[in-house]
């Protein structure tokens, strides 16, 4: 049994050191367990991490950047720089670009996603970051506005508390880090279900992902999403959408969406991005545990 536990622990430790993209719904715990922030810290190298904090979405980037700098310093990061991009010229700054070329993790804070995209989109700094993320050379995290910018299409703003309709959501271009998704954050906390449904109706080739506060979706290298945190993640899959009236009705008229698939995931749940299927943790872990046990017993024999 000790042999099995040891191997399982080694597997978890190996997984925790891989680079990943962490998409956080906002208002993550910064005081107590800091589970989500600590996971980013570990995925970015732990005590050997060289971190860059981009607070550009915030109206007070100096204050917000310094707050995260203190948090990651307390965790023991080797190096931390605040990349205080306040105009597009900073996106061409050789100092910032060189740091992103060599650091192990980038954290984008909350604020205004339109401001963040306006400062970073199509800059040399963003090109370097995108290249390194796609080569799995760096971990990237974004919270709130930093989460909203992840897709090719982005929710720039909108309302809540209504039936789904086109006027409920303002769509624009994101940073294209995870092109196939549309992210909405502070999801159930701000009653944004209808807003995400409206966005998906207008972009039925994208997967809608709504993330609650203090909740994170970890996009792994193998295409599997893993959920952590105290809330839920809502996945809206329009792959089998059979009908919607969105092109035929007025902007404020209610939308219909037929044959839509919706999944609600919570801490520990997983979802395969390409296969568009949730992975049951209980069944898979039970099967893997039995297989590992059989293999180790036979090996001991």
Protein backbone atom coordinates (compact mmCIF):
# COMPACT_ATOMS: atom_id res chain seq x y z
CA UNK A 1 0.00 0.00 0.00
CA UNK A 2 2.88 2.35 0.78
CA UNK A 3 4.22 1.61 -2.70
CA UNK A 4 0.90 2.62 -4.29
CA UNK A 5 0.59 5.79 -2.19
CA UNK A 6 4.16 6.75 -3.06
CA UNK A 7 3.56 6.35 -6.79
CA UNK A 8 0.30 8.31 -6.62
CA UNK A 9 2.07 11.11 -4.76
CA UNK A 10 4.85 11.19 -7.37
CA UNK A 11 2.24 11.38 -10.14
CA UNK A 12 0.51 14.34 -8.44
CA UNK A 13 3.82 16.11 -7.91
CA UNK A 14 4.77 15.59 -11.57
CA UNK A 15 1.40 17.01 -12.69
CA UNK A 16 1.72 20.02 -10.38
CA UNK A 17 5.01 21.09 -11.96
CA UNK A 18 3.74 21.19 -15.56
CA UNK A 19 3.03 24.55 -17.14
CA UNK A 20 -0.64 25.40 -17.59
CA UNK A 21 -3.10 28.23 -18.23
CA UNK A 22 -5.11 29.16 -15.14
CA UNK A 23 -8.35 31.06 -15.77
CA UNK A 24 -9.75 32.48 -12.53
CA UNK A 25 -13.28 33.80 -12.05
CA UNK A 26 -12.14 36.71 -9.87
CA UNK A 27 -12.09 37.44 -6.13
CA UNK A 28 -9.72 34.53 -5.49
CA UNK A 29 -8.62 33.96 -1.91
CA UNK A 30 -5.60 36.19 -1.24
CA UNK A 31 -5.49 35.86 2.56
CA UNK A 32 -6.09 32.36 3.93
CA UNK A 33 -5.22 29.18 2.04
CA UNK A 34 -4.55 31.02 -1.25
CA UNK A 35 -5.06 27.65 -2.98
CA UNK A 36 -5.51 29.02 -6.50
CA UNK A 37 -2.66 31.52 -6.29
CA UNK A 38 -0.41 28.89 -4.75
CA UNK A 39 -1.24 26.51 -7.60
CA UNK A 40 -0.14 29.14 -10.13
CA UNK A 41 3.03 29.71 -8.10
CA UNK A 42 3.85 25.99 -8.20
CA UNK A 43 3.01 25.64 -11.89
CA UNK A 44 5.37 28.54 -12.60
CA UNK A 45 8.31 26.92 -10.83
CA UNK A 46 7.71 27.28 -7.10
CA UNK A 47 10.78 28.60 -5.28
CA UNK A 48 12.58 28.84 -8.64
CA UNK A 49 9.78 30.91 -10.22
CA UNK A 50 10.48 34.12 -12.08
CA UNK A 51 7.10 35.85 -12.25
CA UNK A 52 5.76 38.79 -14.22
CA UNK A 53 2.64 40.59 -13.00
CA UNK A 54 0.62 42.55 -15.56
CA UNK A 55 -1.80 44.87 -13.68
CA UNK A 56 -2.74 46.86 -16.78
CA UNK A 57 -6.48 46.13 -16.56
CA UNK A 58 -6.69 47.96 -13.24
CA UNK A 59 -7.31 51.66 -12.67
CA UNK A 60 -4.71 51.42 -9.91
CA UNK A 61 -2.04 49.19 -11.47
CA UNK A 62 0.65 50.17 -8.97
CA UNK A 63 -1.47 49.19 -5.95
CA UNK A 64 -2.82 45.99 -7.49
CA UNK A 65 0.56 44.94 -8.87
CA UNK A 66 2.24 45.47 -5.51
CA UNK A 67 -0.41 43.41 -3.74
CA UNK A 68 0.24 40.35 -5.91
CA UNK A 69 3.99 40.99 -5.71
CA UNK A 70 3.80 40.71 -1.90
CA UNK A 71 1.70 37.54 -2.10
CA UNK A 72 4.10 35.71 -4.41
CA UNK A 73 7.12 37.01 -2.48
CA UNK A 74 5.65 35.50 0.70
CA UNK A 75 5.29 32.21 -1.14
CA UNK A 76 9.00 32.32 -1.96
CA UNK A 77 9.25 33.19 -5.66
CA UNK A 78 12.83 33.66 -6.83
CA UNK A 79 12.11 36.81 -8.86
CA UNK A 80 9.06 39.03 -9.39
CA UNK A 81 8.64 41.98 -11.76
CA UNK A 82 5.62 44.22 -12.24
CA UNK A 83 5.18 44.77 -15.98
CA UNK A 84 3.37 48.08 -15.70
CA UNK A 85 2.11 48.42 -19.29
CA UNK A 86 0.21 51.73 -19.37
CA UNK A 87 0.35 52.51 -23.09
CA UNK A 88 0.95 50.53 -26.26
CA UNK A 89 4.54 51.75 -26.50
CA UNK A 90 5.28 49.67 -23.39
CA UNK A 91 4.26 46.61 -25.43
CA UNK A 92 7.38 47.24 -27.51
CA UNK A 93 9.67 47.88 -24.55
CA UNK A 94 12.78 45.70 -24.85
CA UNK A 95 13.07 45.31 -21.06
CA UNK A 96 9.54 43.93 -20.74
CA UNK A 97 9.95 41.71 -23.80
CA UNK A 98 13.25 40.26 -22.56
CA UNK A 99 11.72 39.49 -19.18
CA UNK A 100 8.75 37.68 -20.74
CA UNK A 101 11.17 35.70 -22.92
CA UNK A 102 12.88 34.32 -19.82
CA UNK A 103 10.39 34.26 -16.94
CA UNK A 104 8.45 31.16 -15.87
CA UNK A 105 5.02 32.66 -15.16
CA UNK A 106 2.81 35.64 -16.05
CA UNK A 107 -0.17 36.77 -13.95
CA UNK A 108 -2.78 39.18 -15.39
CA UNK A 109 -4.87 40.94 -12.77
CA UNK A 110 -8.49 42.08 -12.81
CA UNK A 111 -9.97 45.39 -13.87
CA UNK A 112 -11.24 46.35 -17.33
CA UNK A 113 -10.77 43.72 -20.04
CA UNK A 114 -11.23 46.30 -22.80
CA UNK A 115 -8.33 48.31 -21.40
CA UNK A 116 -6.17 45.19 -21.07
CA UNK A 117 -6.80 44.12 -24.68
CA UNK A 118 -6.31 47.64 -25.95
CA UNK A 119 -2.85 47.78 -24.38
CA UNK A 120 -1.61 44.26 -25.21
CA UNK A 121 -3.27 43.03 -28.42
CA UNK A 122 -0.92 42.69 -31.41
CA UNK A 123 2.11 44.00 -29.53
CA UNK A 124 5.56 42.35 -29.64
CA UNK A 125 5.19 41.67 -25.91
CA UNK A 126 1.96 39.73 -26.49
CA UNK A 127 3.44 37.85 -29.44
CA UNK A 128 6.31 36.61 -27.27
CA UNK A 129 3.91 35.60 -24.49
CA UNK A 130 1.59 33.75 -26.88
CA UNK A 131 4.49 31.87 -28.45
CA UNK A 132 5.85 30.73 -25.11
CA UNK A 133 2.38 29.69 -23.85
CA UNK A 134 1.77 27.61 -26.99
CA UNK A 135 5.17 25.96 -26.64
CA UNK A 136 4.28 25.12 -23.00
CA UNK A 137 7.34 27.03 -21.81
CA UNK A 138 5.51 29.27 -19.34
CA UNK A 139 2.48 29.23 -17.04
CA UNK A 140 -0.10 31.96 -17.53
CA UNK A 141 -2.87 33.02 -15.18
CA UNK A 142 -5.59 35.64 -15.49
CA UNK A 143 -8.21 36.64 -12.94
CA UNK A 144 -11.50 38.48 -13.65
CA UNK A 145 -10.63 40.79 -16.59
CA UNK A 146 -7.44 38.76 -17.01
CA UNK A 147 -9.67 35.73 -17.51
CA UNK A 148 -12.14 37.42 -19.87
CA UNK A 149 -9.41 38.18 -22.44
CA UNK A 150 -8.39 34.55 -22.94
CA UNK A 151 -10.61 33.76 -25.93
CA UNK A 152 -10.51 34.96 -29.53
CA UNK A 153 -13.99 36.40 -28.95
CA UNK A 154 -14.41 38.27 -25.68
CA UNK A 155 -17.31 39.54 -23.59
CA UNK A 156 -16.45 43.20 -23.25
CA UNK A 157 -19.44 44.06 -21.06
CA UNK A 158 -23.18 43.72 -20.77
CA UNK A 159 -26.01 43.24 -18.32
CA UNK A 160 -27.66 40.56 -16.21
CA UNK A 161 -31.00 39.55 -14.81
CA UNK A 162 -32.81 39.29 -18.15
CA UNK A 163 -33.73 36.59 -20.63
CA UNK A 164 -30.97 35.87 -23.16
CA UNK A 165 -30.91 38.54 -25.90
CA UNK A 166 -28.28 40.13 -28.11
CA UNK A 167 -28.38 43.51 -26.34
CA UNK A 168 -27.41 41.80 -23.08
CA UNK A 169 -23.81 41.23 -24.18
CA UNK A 170 -21.14 43.34 -25.86
CA UNK A 171 -18.80 41.15 -27.89
CA UNK A 172 -15.33 42.17 -29.05
CA UNK A 173 -11.95 40.62 -29.81
CA UNK A 174 -9.88 39.05 -27.02
CA UNK A 175 -6.21 38.11 -26.93
CA UNK A 176 -6.77 34.67 -28.52
CA UNK A 177 -4.78 32.72 -25.93
CA UNK A 178 -7.45 29.98 -25.91
CA UNK A 179 -9.27 30.78 -29.17
CA UNK A 180 -12.05 28.20 -28.95
CA UNK A 181 -13.65 29.51 -25.75
CA UNK A 182 -15.68 32.48 -24.54
CA UNK A 183 -15.04 33.20 -20.86
CA UNK A 184 -17.36 34.94 -18.42
CA UNK A 185 -16.29 35.57 -14.82
CA UNK A 186 -17.89 36.38 -11.44
CA UNK A 187 -20.45 34.11 -13.05
CA UNK A 188 -23.19 33.03 -10.62
CA UNK A 189 -22.12 35.76 -8.21
CA UNK A 190 -23.29 38.41 -10.70
CA UNK A 191 -26.09 36.43 -12.36
CA UNK A 192 -24.40 36.22 -15.77
CA UNK A 193 -25.93 33.00 -17.10
CA UNK A 194 -28.15 34.77 -19.64
CA UNK A 195 -25.19 36.89 -20.77
CA UNK A 196 -23.06 33.84 -21.56
CA UNK A 197 -25.99 32.12 -23.31
CA UNK A 198 -26.44 35.22 -25.46
CA UNK A 199 -22.73 35.21 -26.34
CA UNK A 200 -22.85 31.53 -27.31
CA UNK A 201 -25.98 32.07 -29.44
CA UNK A 202 -24.07 34.71 -31.40
CA UNK A 203 -20.93 32.52 -31.64
CA UNK A 204 -22.10 28.89 -31.83
CA UNK A 205 -18.65 27.68 -32.91
CA UNK A 206 -17.22 28.56 -29.46
CA UNK A 207 -17.47 26.86 -26.10
CA UNK A 208 -18.91 29.06 -23.35
CA UNK A 209 -17.27 28.85 -19.92
CA UNK A 210 -18.68 30.70 -16.91
CA UNK A 211 -16.44 30.74 -13.83
CA UNK A 212 -17.57 31.65 -10.32
CA UNK A 213 -15.52 33.75 -7.91
CA UNK A 214 -12.63 32.04 -6.08
CA UNK A 215 -12.83 29.31 -8.72
CA UNK A 216 -10.32 28.40 -11.41
CA UNK A 217 -10.21 26.38 -14.62
CA UNK A 218 -6.78 24.89 -15.25
CA UNK A 219 -6.15 24.25 -18.94
CA UNK A 220 -3.67 21.37 -19.00
CA UNK A 221 -1.22 20.55 -21.80
CA UNK A 222 -3.18 17.39 -22.73
CA UNK A 223 -6.40 19.28 -23.52
CA UNK A 224 -8.12 18.42 -20.24
CA UNK A 225 -9.62 21.16 -18.07
CA UNK A 226 -9.50 20.77 -14.30
CA UNK A 227 -11.65 22.76 -11.86
CA UNK A 228 -10.51 23.97 -8.47
CA UNK A 229 -11.94 26.38 -5.92
CA UNK A 230 -15.06 26.93 -3.87
CA UNK A 231 -17.56 27.67 -6.66
CA UNK A 232 -18.66 26.05 -9.90
CA UNK A 233 -17.79 26.25 -13.58
CA UNK A 234 -20.61 26.27 -16.13
CA UNK A 235 -19.78 24.92 -19.57
CA UNK A 236 -22.18 25.76 -22.40
CA UNK A 237 -21.60 23.52 -25.41
CA UNK A 238 -23.44 24.53 -28.63
CA UNK A 239 -21.89 21.77 -30.78
CA UNK A 240 -25.28 20.07 -31.22
CA UNK A 241 -27.33 23.28 -31.30
CA UNK A 242 -30.22 22.54 -33.65
CA UNK A 243 -31.91 25.94 -33.78
CA UNK A 244 -31.65 29.52 -32.58
CA UNK A 245 -33.63 32.58 -33.64
CA UNK A 246 -30.81 35.04 -32.96
CA UNK A 247 -30.43 36.18 -36.58
CA UNK A 248 -34.18 36.74 -37.02
CA UNK A 249 -35.22 38.74 -33.96
CA UNK A 250 -34.52 42.22 -32.66
CA UNK A 251 -31.54 42.96 -30.43
CA UNK A 252 -33.64 43.09 -27.27
CA UNK A 253 -35.99 40.19 -28.14
CA UNK A 254 -35.62 36.89 -26.25
CA UNK A 255 -33.41 34.23 -27.81
CA UNK A 256 -34.16 30.54 -28.09
CA UNK A 257 -31.47 27.84 -28.20
CA UNK A 258 -32.53 24.27 -28.91
CA UNK A 259 -30.53 21.17 -27.98
CA UNK A 260 -27.89 23.06 -26.00
CA UNK A 261 -25.65 21.02 -23.70
CA UNK A 262 -24.78 22.45 -20.28
CA UNK A 263 -22.39 20.98 -17.70
CA UNK A 264 -21.88 22.20 -14.13
CA UNK A 265 -18.45 21.30 -12.74
CA UNK A 266 -16.99 21.80 -9.27
CA UNK A 267 -13.69 21.25 -7.48
CA UNK A 268 -11.86 18.19 -8.80
CA UNK A 269 -14.03 17.76 -11.90
CA UNK A 270 -12.42 17.51 -15.32
CA UNK A 271 -13.54 18.11 -18.89
CA UNK A 272 -11.95 17.15 -22.22
CA UNK A 273 -11.81 20.25 -24.40
CA UNK A 274 -11.53 18.49 -27.78
CA UNK A 275 -13.94 15.65 -27.05
CA UNK A 276 -16.41 18.03 -25.36
CA UNK A 277 -17.00 15.51 -22.58
CA UNK A 278 -16.82 15.74 -18.78
CA UNK A 279 -14.61 13.18 -17.07
CA UNK A 280 -16.11 11.61 -13.96
CA UNK A 281 -13.46 11.78 -11.23
CA UNK A 282 -14.95 8.97 -9.15
CA UNK A 283 -15.15 6.42 -11.96
CA UNK A 284 -11.78 7.21 -13.53
CA UNK A 285 -9.89 7.38 -10.25
CA UNK A 286 -11.45 4.13 -9.08
CA UNK A 287 -10.49 2.35 -12.31
CA UNK A 288 -6.96 3.76 -12.22
CA UNK A 289 -6.53 2.78 -8.57
CA UNK A 290 -7.62 -0.80 -9.30
CA UNK A 291 -5.37 -1.01 -12.36
CA UNK A 292 -2.38 0.37 -10.43
CA UNK A 293 -3.03 -2.00 -7.54
CA UNK A 294 -3.24 -5.04 -9.83
CA UNK A 295 -0.10 -4.00 -11.69
CA UNK A 296 1.92 -3.45 -8.52
CA UNK A 297 0.76 -6.72 -6.94
CA UNK A 298 1.69 -8.68 -10.05
CA UNK A 299 5.01 -6.87 -10.19
CA UNK A 300 5.76 -7.79 -6.56
CA UNK A 301 4.96 -11.40 -7.33
